[in-house]
Amino acid sequence: MNTTIKIQESLTTIFRIANIVSKQDLDEWCGDRARERLYSKVQLLSPENWERVRNPKENVRFRYQKILTGYKINSN
């Protein structure tokens, strides 16, 4: 596995495979586990970047809120 995959690339891949395009889609996909399902998948796909970032969960959260519809900071 290529461990240099960036967090952004991991999110894009996960969202494409799971057909996640909105906050609601992510809520349904994560279920009652908050965002732990997403964080664990990103950590698995991007282990080097996950360890290098000071607060990886915060980084992931910022990035998915920019990508998905249903968030105030969404640029779409």
C-alpha atoms as a PDB file:
ATOM      1  CA  MET A   1       0.000   0.000   0.000  1.00  0.00           C
ATOM      2  CA  ASN A   2       1.227   3.489  -0.831  1.00  0.00           C
ATOM      3  CA  THR A   3       1.458   5.155   2.569  1.00  0.00           C
ATOM      4  CA  THR A   4       2.034   8.619   1.134  1.00  0.00           C
ATOM      5  CA  ILE A   5      -1.587   9.086   0.114  1.00  0.00           C
ATOM      6  CA  LYS A   6      -2.766  12.472   1.308  1.00  0.00           C
ATOM      7  CA  ILE A   7      -5.753  12.806   3.597  1.00  0.00           C
ATOM      8  CA  GLN A   8      -7.635  14.752   0.923  1.00  0.00           C
ATOM      9  CA  GLU A   9      -7.130  11.907  -1.555  1.00  0.00           C
ATOM     10  CA  SER A  10      -8.345   9.365   0.993  1.00  0.00           C
ATOM     11  CA  LEU A  11     -11.502  11.376   1.618  1.00  0.00           C
ATOM     12  CA  THR A  12     -12.167  11.708  -2.099  1.00  0.00           C
ATOM     13  CA  THR A  13     -11.747   7.961  -2.564  1.00  0.00           C
ATOM     14  CA  ILE A  14     -13.956   7.045   0.394  1.00  0.00           C
ATOM     15  CA  PHE A  15     -16.680   9.462  -0.659  1.00  0.00           C
ATOM     16  CA  ARG A  16     -16.610   8.224  -4.264  1.00  0.00           C
ATOM     17  CA  ILE A  17     -16.793   4.547  -3.290  1.00  0.00           C
ATOM     18  CA  ALA A  18     -19.509   5.093  -0.668  1.00  0.00           C
ATOM     19  CA  ASN A  19     -21.389   7.621  -2.837  1.00  0.00           C
ATOM     20  CA  ILE A  20     -21.225  10.298  -0.134  1.00  0.00           C
ATOM     21  CA  VAL A  21     -21.971  13.806  -1.391  1.00  0.00           C
ATOM     22  CA  SER A  22     -23.700  15.459   1.579  1.00  0.00           C
ATOM     23  CA  LYS A  23     -23.620  15.756   5.351  1.00  0.00           C
ATOM     24  CA  GLN A  24     -26.718  13.563   5.484  1.00  0.00           C
ATOM     25  CA  ASP A  25     -24.997  10.853   3.426  1.00  0.00           C
ATOM     26  CA  LEU A  26     -22.020  10.951   5.796  1.00  0.00           C
ATOM     27  CA  ASP A  27     -24.296  10.817   8.843  1.00  0.00           C
ATOM     28  CA  GLU A  28     -26.001   7.708   7.466  1.00  0.00           C
ATOM     29  CA  TRP A  29     -22.720   6.041   6.471  1.00  0.00           C
ATOM     30  CA  CYS A  30     -21.118   6.690   9.872  1.00  0.00           C
ATOM     31  CA  GLY A  31     -24.213   5.630  11.781  1.00  0.00           C
ATOM     32  CA  ASP A  32     -24.193   6.089  15.536  1.00  0.00           C
ATOM     33  CA  ARG A  33     -20.389   6.041  15.744  1.00  0.00           C
ATOM     34  CA  ALA A  34     -20.048   9.802  15.159  1.00  0.00           C
ATOM     35  CA  ARG A  35     -17.229  10.101  12.606  1.00  0.00           C
ATOM     36  CA  GLU A  36     -15.054   7.282  13.936  1.00  0.00           C
ATOM     37  CA  ARG A  37     -15.780   5.110  10.897  1.00  0.00           C
ATOM     38  CA  LEU A  38     -14.485   7.850   8.615  1.00  0.00           C
ATOM     39  CA  TYR A  39     -11.452   8.620  10.772  1.00  0.00           C
ATOM     40  CA  SER A  40     -10.414   4.975  10.917  1.00  0.00           C
ATOM     41  CA  LYS A  41     -10.694   4.596   7.126  1.00  0.00           C
ATOM     42  CA  VAL A  42      -8.649   7.752   6.508  1.00  0.00           C
ATOM     43  CA  GLN A  43      -6.035   6.623   9.028  1.00  0.00           C
ATOM     44  CA  LEU A  44      -5.830   3.250   7.286  1.00  0.00           C
ATOM     45  CA  LEU A  45      -5.428   4.811   3.830  1.00  0.00           C
ATOM     46  CA  SER A  46      -3.102   7.665   4.871  1.00  0.00           C
ATOM     47  CA  PRO A  47      -1.084   6.438   7.858  1.00  0.00           C
ATOM     48  CA  GLU A  48       1.986   8.640   7.290  1.00  0.00           C
ATOM     49  CA  ASN A  49      -0.032  11.787   6.808  1.00  0.00           C
ATOM     50  CA  TRP A  50      -2.303  10.885   9.730  1.00  0.00           C
ATOM     51  CA  GLU A  51       0.735  10.683  12.030  1.00  0.00           C
ATOM     52  CA  ARG A  52       2.371  13.814  10.643  1.00  0.00           C
ATOM     53  CA  VAL A  53      -0.638  16.130  11.090  1.00  0.00           C
ATOM     54  CA  ARG A  54      -0.916  17.720  14.541  1.00  0.00           C
ATOM     55  CA  ASN A  55      -4.640  17.025  14.950  1.00  0.00           C
ATOM     56  CA  PRO A  56      -5.689  14.563  12.223  1.00  0.00           C
ATOM     57  CA  LYS A  57      -9.371  14.382  13.183  1.00  0.00           C
ATOM     58  CA  GLU A  58      -9.656  18.167  13.055  1.00  0.00           C
ATOM     59  CA  ASN A  59      -7.884  18.168   9.686  1.00  0.00           C
ATOM     60  CA  VAL A  60     -10.248  15.524   8.299  1.00  0.00           C
ATOM     61  CA  ARG A  61     -13.280  17.389   9.666  1.00  0.00           C
ATOM     62  CA  PHE A  62     -12.206  20.664   8.045  1.00  0.00           C
ATOM     63  CA  ARG A  63     -11.646  18.937   4.707  1.00  0.00           C
ATOM     64  CA  TYR A  64     -14.918  17.001   4.571  1.00  0.00           C
ATOM     65  CA  GLN A  65     -16.900  20.078   5.563  1.00  0.00           C
ATOM     66  CA  LYS A  66     -15.439  21.879   2.538  1.00  0.00           C
ATOM     67  CA  ILE A  67     -16.252  18.984   0.208  1.00  0.00           C
ATOM     68  CA  LEU A  68     -19.765  17.927   1.252  1.00  0.00           C
ATOM     69  CA  THR A  69     -22.980  19.874   0.881  1.00  0.00           C
ATOM     70  CA  GLY A  70     -24.850  20.665   4.084  1.00  0.00           C
ATOM     71  CA  TYR A  71     -22.014  22.449   5.885  1.00  0.00           C
ATOM     72  CA  LYS A  72     -21.673  26.233   6.235  1.00  0.00           C
ATOM     73  CA  ILE A  73     -18.064  26.285   5.034  1.00  0.00           C
ATOM     74  CA  ASN A  74     -18.894  24.239   1.956  1.00  0.00           C
ATOM     75  CA  SER A  75     -17.687  26.077  -1.127  1.00  0.00           C
ATOM     76  CA  ASN A  76     -20.189  24.376  -3.457  1.00  0.00           C
END
